[in-house]
Amino acid sequence: MATSAASPHAPGFSAEGRCGYYVEKKKRFCRMVVAAGKRFCGEHAGAAEEEDARKRILCPLDPKHTVYEDQLAKHLKKCNSREKPKPDFYIQDINAGLRDETEIPEQLV
């Protein structure tokens, strides 16, 4: 009834089209999708022996993800962690109230 052969979707094998990097902390394979013909996702591409020519570094805006060193300038322009420009109508601390007691108006309406 039950077969002893391990299926490709068993916990010991990475799924087809998914990253082959084993995350020791989570005790499972990475679940990110890989590009066609690749074994690892972009985050774990440094683990691949065939891609040693390109080095990945931590993003200076958000160290939770990495980026190729040669594409850093392009990444900094589109990174979601960059500071976005404020709209024209934005005024800093407009509803913050009075800053000190000397600004209290003489007559209250």
N, C-alpha and C. Protein backbone atom coordinates (compact mmCIF):
# COMPACT_ATOMS: atom_id res chain seq x y z
N MET A 1 0.82 -1.17 0.00
CA MET A 1 0.00 0.00 0.00
C MET A 1 0.87 1.25 0.00
N ALA A 2 1.65 1.46 1.03
CA ALA A 2 2.52 2.62 1.08
C ALA A 2 3.85 2.26 0.46
N THR A 3 4.38 3.16 -0.35
CA THR A 3 5.67 2.90 -0.98
C THR A 3 6.76 3.53 -0.14
N SER A 4 7.91 2.91 -0.16
CA SER A 4 9.03 3.42 0.63
C SER A 4 9.88 4.40 -0.15
N ALA A 5 9.63 4.56 -1.46
CA ALA A 5 10.41 5.50 -2.26
C ALA A 5 10.01 6.92 -1.91
N ALA A 6 10.98 7.79 -1.84
CA ALA A 6 10.70 9.19 -1.50
C ALA A 6 10.20 9.92 -2.74
N SER A 7 9.11 10.63 -2.59
CA SER A 7 8.56 11.40 -3.70
C SER A 7 9.29 12.73 -3.79
N PRO A 8 9.27 13.40 -4.95
CA PRO A 8 9.97 14.67 -5.07
C PRO A 8 9.35 15.77 -4.20
N HIS A 9 8.12 15.58 -3.72
CA HIS A 9 7.49 16.59 -2.89
C HIS A 9 7.61 16.26 -1.40
N ALA A 10 8.41 15.27 -1.07
CA ALA A 10 8.63 14.92 0.33
C ALA A 10 9.47 16.01 0.99
N PRO A 11 9.46 16.12 2.30
CA PRO A 11 10.20 17.17 2.99
C PRO A 11 11.70 17.17 2.71
N GLY A 12 12.26 16.06 2.26
CA GLY A 12 13.69 15.99 2.01
C GLY A 12 14.13 16.49 0.66
N PHE A 13 13.21 16.86 -0.24
CA PHE A 13 13.55 17.29 -1.58
C PHE A 13 12.90 18.64 -1.88
N SER A 14 13.61 19.46 -2.66
CA SER A 14 13.01 20.73 -3.07
C SER A 14 12.02 20.46 -4.20
N ALA A 15 10.96 21.25 -4.27
CA ALA A 15 9.93 21.09 -5.29
C ALA A 15 10.45 21.54 -6.65
N GLU A 16 9.86 21.06 -7.69
CA GLU A 16 10.25 21.42 -9.05
C GLU A 16 9.99 22.90 -9.29
N GLY A 17 10.98 23.61 -9.81
CA GLY A 17 10.83 25.03 -10.08
C GLY A 17 11.07 25.90 -8.85
N ARG A 18 11.46 25.30 -7.74
CA ARG A 18 11.73 26.03 -6.51
C ARG A 18 13.23 25.98 -6.20
N CYS A 19 13.66 26.88 -5.35
CA CYS A 19 15.08 26.99 -5.00
C CYS A 19 15.57 25.71 -4.31
N GLY A 20 16.78 25.31 -4.61
CA GLY A 20 17.36 24.11 -4.04
C GLY A 20 18.19 24.37 -2.80
N TYR A 21 18.15 25.58 -2.25
CA TYR A 21 18.93 25.93 -1.06
C TYR A 21 18.19 25.46 0.18
N TYR A 22 18.88 24.71 1.05
CA TYR A 22 18.28 24.21 2.28
C TYR A 22 18.51 25.24 3.39
N VAL A 23 17.41 25.77 3.94
CA VAL A 23 17.48 26.76 5.00
C VAL A 23 17.54 26.00 6.32
N GLU A 24 18.71 25.96 6.92
CA GLU A 24 18.93 25.18 8.13
C GLU A 24 18.08 25.69 9.29
N LYS A 25 17.95 27.00 9.39
CA LYS A 25 17.19 27.59 10.50
C LYS A 25 15.73 27.17 10.47
N LYS A 26 15.16 27.06 9.26
CA LYS A 26 13.76 26.67 9.13
C LYS A 26 13.58 25.18 8.89
N LYS A 27 14.69 24.47 8.68
CA LYS A 27 14.70 23.03 8.44
C LYS A 27 13.82 22.64 7.25
N ARG A 28 13.98 23.40 6.17
CA ARG A 28 13.26 23.12 4.93
C ARG A 28 13.99 23.81 3.77
N PHE A 29 13.58 23.47 2.55
CA PHE A 29 14.15 24.13 1.38
C PHE A 29 13.50 25.49 1.18
N CYS A 30 14.25 26.39 0.57
CA CYS A 30 13.72 27.71 0.24
C CYS A 30 12.58 27.52 -0.76
N ARG A 31 11.51 28.29 -0.61
CA ARG A 31 10.32 28.12 -1.45
C ARG A 31 10.22 29.15 -2.56
N MET A 32 11.27 29.94 -2.77
CA MET A 32 11.22 30.95 -3.82
C MET A 32 11.34 30.30 -5.20
N VAL A 33 10.74 30.92 -6.18
CA VAL A 33 10.75 30.42 -7.56
C VAL A 33 12.10 30.76 -8.19
N VAL A 34 12.62 29.85 -8.99
CA VAL A 34 13.89 30.06 -9.67
C VAL A 34 13.66 30.39 -11.14
N ALA A 35 14.64 31.02 -11.75
CA ALA A 35 14.58 31.33 -13.17
C ALA A 35 14.78 30.04 -13.97
N ALA A 36 14.38 30.07 -15.22
CA ALA A 36 14.50 28.89 -16.07
C ALA A 36 15.97 28.48 -16.20
N GLY A 37 16.25 27.24 -15.95
CA GLY A 37 17.59 26.70 -16.06
C GLY A 37 18.48 26.94 -14.85
N LYS A 38 17.96 27.55 -13.81
CA LYS A 38 18.74 27.82 -12.61
C LYS A 38 18.35 26.85 -11.51
N ARG A 39 19.23 26.70 -10.54
CA ARG A 39 18.98 25.80 -9.42
C ARG A 39 18.59 26.57 -8.16
N PHE A 40 19.12 27.81 -8.03
CA PHE A 40 18.88 28.62 -6.85
C PHE A 40 18.14 29.91 -7.22
N CYS A 41 17.42 30.45 -6.24
CA CYS A 41 16.73 31.73 -6.43
C CYS A 41 17.77 32.86 -6.39
N GLY A 42 17.34 34.08 -6.64
CA GLY A 42 18.25 35.21 -6.63
C GLY A 42 18.89 35.45 -5.28
N GLU A 43 18.18 35.17 -4.22
CA GLU A 43 18.70 35.39 -2.87
C GLU A 43 19.82 34.40 -2.54
N HIS A 44 19.72 33.17 -3.03
CA HIS A 44 20.69 32.14 -2.71
C HIS A 44 21.61 31.80 -3.88
N ALA A 45 21.67 32.68 -4.87
CA ALA A 45 22.51 32.43 -6.04
C ALA A 45 23.98 32.36 -5.67
N GLY A 46 24.37 32.98 -4.55
CA GLY A 46 25.76 32.92 -4.11
C GLY A 46 26.18 31.52 -3.72
N ALA A 47 25.20 30.65 -3.42
CA ALA A 47 25.50 29.27 -3.06
C ALA A 47 25.85 28.43 -4.29
N ALA A 48 25.53 28.94 -5.47
CA ALA A 48 25.81 28.20 -6.70
C ALA A 48 27.28 28.36 -7.08
N GLU A 49 27.92 27.28 -7.40
CA GLU A 49 29.33 27.33 -7.76
C GLU A 49 29.55 27.96 -9.13
N GLU A 50 28.55 27.86 -10.01
CA GLU A 50 28.73 28.34 -11.37
C GLU A 50 28.55 29.86 -11.49
N GLU A 51 28.08 30.55 -10.44
CA GLU A 51 27.87 31.98 -10.52
C GLU A 51 28.81 32.76 -9.60
N ASP A 52 30.04 32.27 -9.43
CA ASP A 52 30.99 32.94 -8.56
C ASP A 52 31.51 34.24 -9.17
N ALA A 53 31.26 34.49 -10.45
CA ALA A 53 31.75 35.70 -11.09
C ALA A 53 31.03 36.94 -10.56
N ARG A 54 29.77 36.83 -10.16
CA ARG A 54 29.00 37.96 -9.65
C ARG A 54 28.84 37.83 -8.15
N LYS A 55 29.13 38.91 -7.45
CA LYS A 55 29.08 38.89 -5.99
C LYS A 55 27.82 39.61 -5.51
N ARG A 56 27.13 39.03 -4.52
CA ARG A 56 25.95 39.65 -3.93
C ARG A 56 26.36 40.31 -2.62
N ILE A 57 25.80 41.51 -2.38
CA ILE A 57 26.08 42.25 -1.16
C ILE A 57 24.75 42.64 -0.51
N LEU A 58 24.79 43.01 0.77
CA LEU A 58 23.58 43.45 1.45
C LEU A 58 23.17 44.81 0.92
N CYS A 59 21.87 45.03 0.80
CA CYS A 59 21.34 46.32 0.36
C CYS A 59 21.63 47.34 1.46
N PRO A 60 22.21 48.50 1.11
CA PRO A 60 22.50 49.49 2.15
C PRO A 60 21.24 50.14 2.74
N LEU A 61 20.12 50.11 2.03
CA LEU A 61 18.89 50.69 2.54
C LEU A 61 18.13 49.74 3.45
N ASP A 62 18.20 48.45 3.14
CA ASP A 62 17.49 47.44 3.93
C ASP A 62 18.31 46.16 3.91
N PRO A 63 19.04 45.85 4.98
CA PRO A 63 19.91 44.67 4.98
C PRO A 63 19.17 43.34 5.05
N LYS A 64 17.86 43.35 4.89
CA LYS A 64 17.11 42.09 4.89
C LYS A 64 17.18 41.39 3.55
N HIS A 65 17.69 42.07 2.53
CA HIS A 65 17.83 41.41 1.23
C HIS A 65 19.17 41.79 0.60
N THR A 66 19.56 41.05 -0.43
CA THR A 66 20.84 41.27 -1.09
C THR A 66 20.63 41.68 -2.53
N VAL A 67 21.70 42.19 -3.12
CA VAL A 67 21.66 42.65 -4.51
C VAL A 67 23.04 42.39 -5.12
N TYR A 68 23.07 42.19 -6.44
CA TYR A 68 24.36 42.03 -7.11
C TYR A 68 25.14 43.34 -7.00
N GLU A 69 26.44 43.22 -6.75
CA GLU A 69 27.27 44.39 -6.54
C GLU A 69 27.32 45.29 -7.77
N ASP A 70 27.33 44.69 -8.95
CA ASP A 70 27.39 45.48 -10.18
C ASP A 70 26.05 46.15 -10.52
N GLN A 71 24.96 45.77 -9.86
CA GLN A 71 23.65 46.38 -10.12
C GLN A 71 23.17 47.23 -8.93
N LEU A 72 24.06 47.62 -8.05
CA LEU A 72 23.68 48.35 -6.85
C LEU A 72 23.08 49.71 -7.18
N ALA A 73 23.67 50.46 -8.11
CA ALA A 73 23.16 51.80 -8.44
C ALA A 73 21.73 51.72 -8.99
N LYS A 74 21.47 50.75 -9.84
CA LYS A 74 20.13 50.56 -10.40
C LYS A 74 19.15 50.15 -9.31
N HIS A 75 19.59 49.29 -8.41
CA HIS A 75 18.72 48.80 -7.34
C HIS A 75 18.33 49.93 -6.37
N LEU A 76 19.27 50.81 -6.06
CA LEU A 76 18.99 51.89 -5.11
C LEU A 76 17.90 52.82 -5.62
N LYS A 77 17.73 52.93 -6.93
CA LYS A 77 16.70 53.78 -7.51
C LYS A 77 15.30 53.18 -7.36
N LYS A 78 15.21 51.85 -7.30
CA LYS A 78 13.90 51.21 -7.28
C LYS A 78 13.62 50.40 -6.01
N CYS A 79 14.54 50.40 -5.05
CA CYS A 79 14.35 49.63 -3.82
C CYS A 79 13.15 50.17 -3.05
N ASN A 80 12.31 49.28 -2.56
CA ASN A 80 11.12 49.69 -1.82
C ASN A 80 11.46 50.32 -0.47
N SER A 81 12.68 50.15 0.00
CA SER A 81 13.08 50.72 1.28
C SER A 81 13.65 52.12 1.16
N ARG A 82 13.74 52.67 -0.05
CA ARG A 82 14.26 54.03 -0.21
C ARG A 82 13.26 55.05 0.32
N GLU A 83 13.75 56.23 0.65
CA GLU A 83 12.85 57.28 1.14
C GLU A 83 12.15 57.89 -0.06
N LYS A 84 10.85 57.86 -0.02
CA LYS A 84 10.05 58.34 -1.14
C LYS A 84 9.79 59.83 -0.98
N PRO A 85 9.66 60.56 -2.09
CA PRO A 85 9.41 62.01 -1.99
C PRO A 85 8.02 62.28 -1.40
N LYS A 86 7.94 63.34 -0.61
CA LYS A 86 6.68 63.72 0.01
C LYS A 86 5.82 64.46 -1.02
N PRO A 87 4.49 64.33 -0.93
CA PRO A 87 3.61 65.07 -1.84
C PRO A 87 3.71 66.58 -1.61
N ASP A 88 3.29 67.37 -2.58
CA ASP A 88 3.39 68.82 -2.49
C ASP A 88 2.60 69.38 -1.32
N PHE A 89 1.49 68.77 -0.99
CA PHE A 89 0.63 69.29 0.06
C PHE A 89 1.08 68.89 1.47
N TYR A 90 2.12 68.10 1.60
CA TYR A 90 2.58 67.64 2.91
C TYR A 90 3.32 68.75 3.64
N ILE A 91 2.95 69.01 4.90
CA ILE A 91 3.65 69.96 5.75
C ILE A 91 4.00 69.23 7.04
N GLN A 92 5.29 69.26 7.39
CA GLN A 92 5.78 68.56 8.57
C GLN A 92 5.12 69.11 9.84
N ASP A 93 4.60 68.23 10.69
CA ASP A 93 4.01 68.55 12.00
C ASP A 93 2.86 69.56 11.93
N ILE A 94 2.05 69.51 10.89
CA ILE A 94 0.95 70.46 10.76
C ILE A 94 -0.10 70.28 11.85
N ASN A 95 -0.32 69.09 12.33
CA ASN A 95 -1.31 68.82 13.36
C ASN A 95 -0.68 68.45 14.70
N ALA A 96 0.56 68.84 14.91
CA ALA A 96 1.26 68.45 16.12
C ALA A 96 0.90 69.30 17.32
N GLY A 97 0.25 70.43 17.13
CA GLY A 97 -0.10 71.31 18.24
C GLY A 97 0.98 72.35 18.46
N LEU A 98 0.87 73.07 19.58
CA LEU A 98 1.82 74.13 19.89
C LEU A 98 3.14 73.53 20.37
N ARG A 99 4.21 74.14 19.98
CA ARG A 99 5.52 73.61 20.34
C ARG A 99 5.92 73.99 21.76
N ASP A 100 5.58 75.19 22.16
CA ASP A 100 5.84 75.59 23.54
C ASP A 100 4.76 76.58 23.98
N GLU A 101 4.77 76.95 25.24
CA GLU A 101 3.69 77.75 25.79
C GLU A 101 3.73 79.20 25.34
N THR A 102 4.83 79.67 24.79
CA THR A 102 4.92 81.06 24.36
C THR A 102 4.12 81.33 23.10
N GLU A 103 3.70 80.30 22.41
CA GLU A 103 2.93 80.47 21.18
C GLU A 103 1.43 80.50 21.42
N ILE A 104 0.98 80.48 22.68
CA ILE A 104 -0.45 80.48 22.98
C ILE A 104 -1.03 81.84 22.58
N PRO A 105 -2.05 81.87 21.74
CA PRO A 105 -2.62 83.16 21.32
C PRO A 105 -3.31 83.86 22.49
N GLU A 106 -3.30 85.19 22.43
CA GLU A 106 -3.90 85.99 23.50
C GLU A 106 -5.42 85.81 23.57
N GLN A 107 -6.05 85.81 22.42
CA GLN A 107 -7.51 85.65 22.38
C GLN A 107 -7.84 84.33 21.75
N LEU A 108 -8.69 83.59 22.40
CA LEU A 108 -9.16 82.33 21.84
C LEU A 108 -10.52 82.57 21.22
N VAL A 109 -10.73 82.11 20.05
CA VAL A 109 -11.99 82.30 19.36
C VAL A 109 -12.96 81.21 19.77
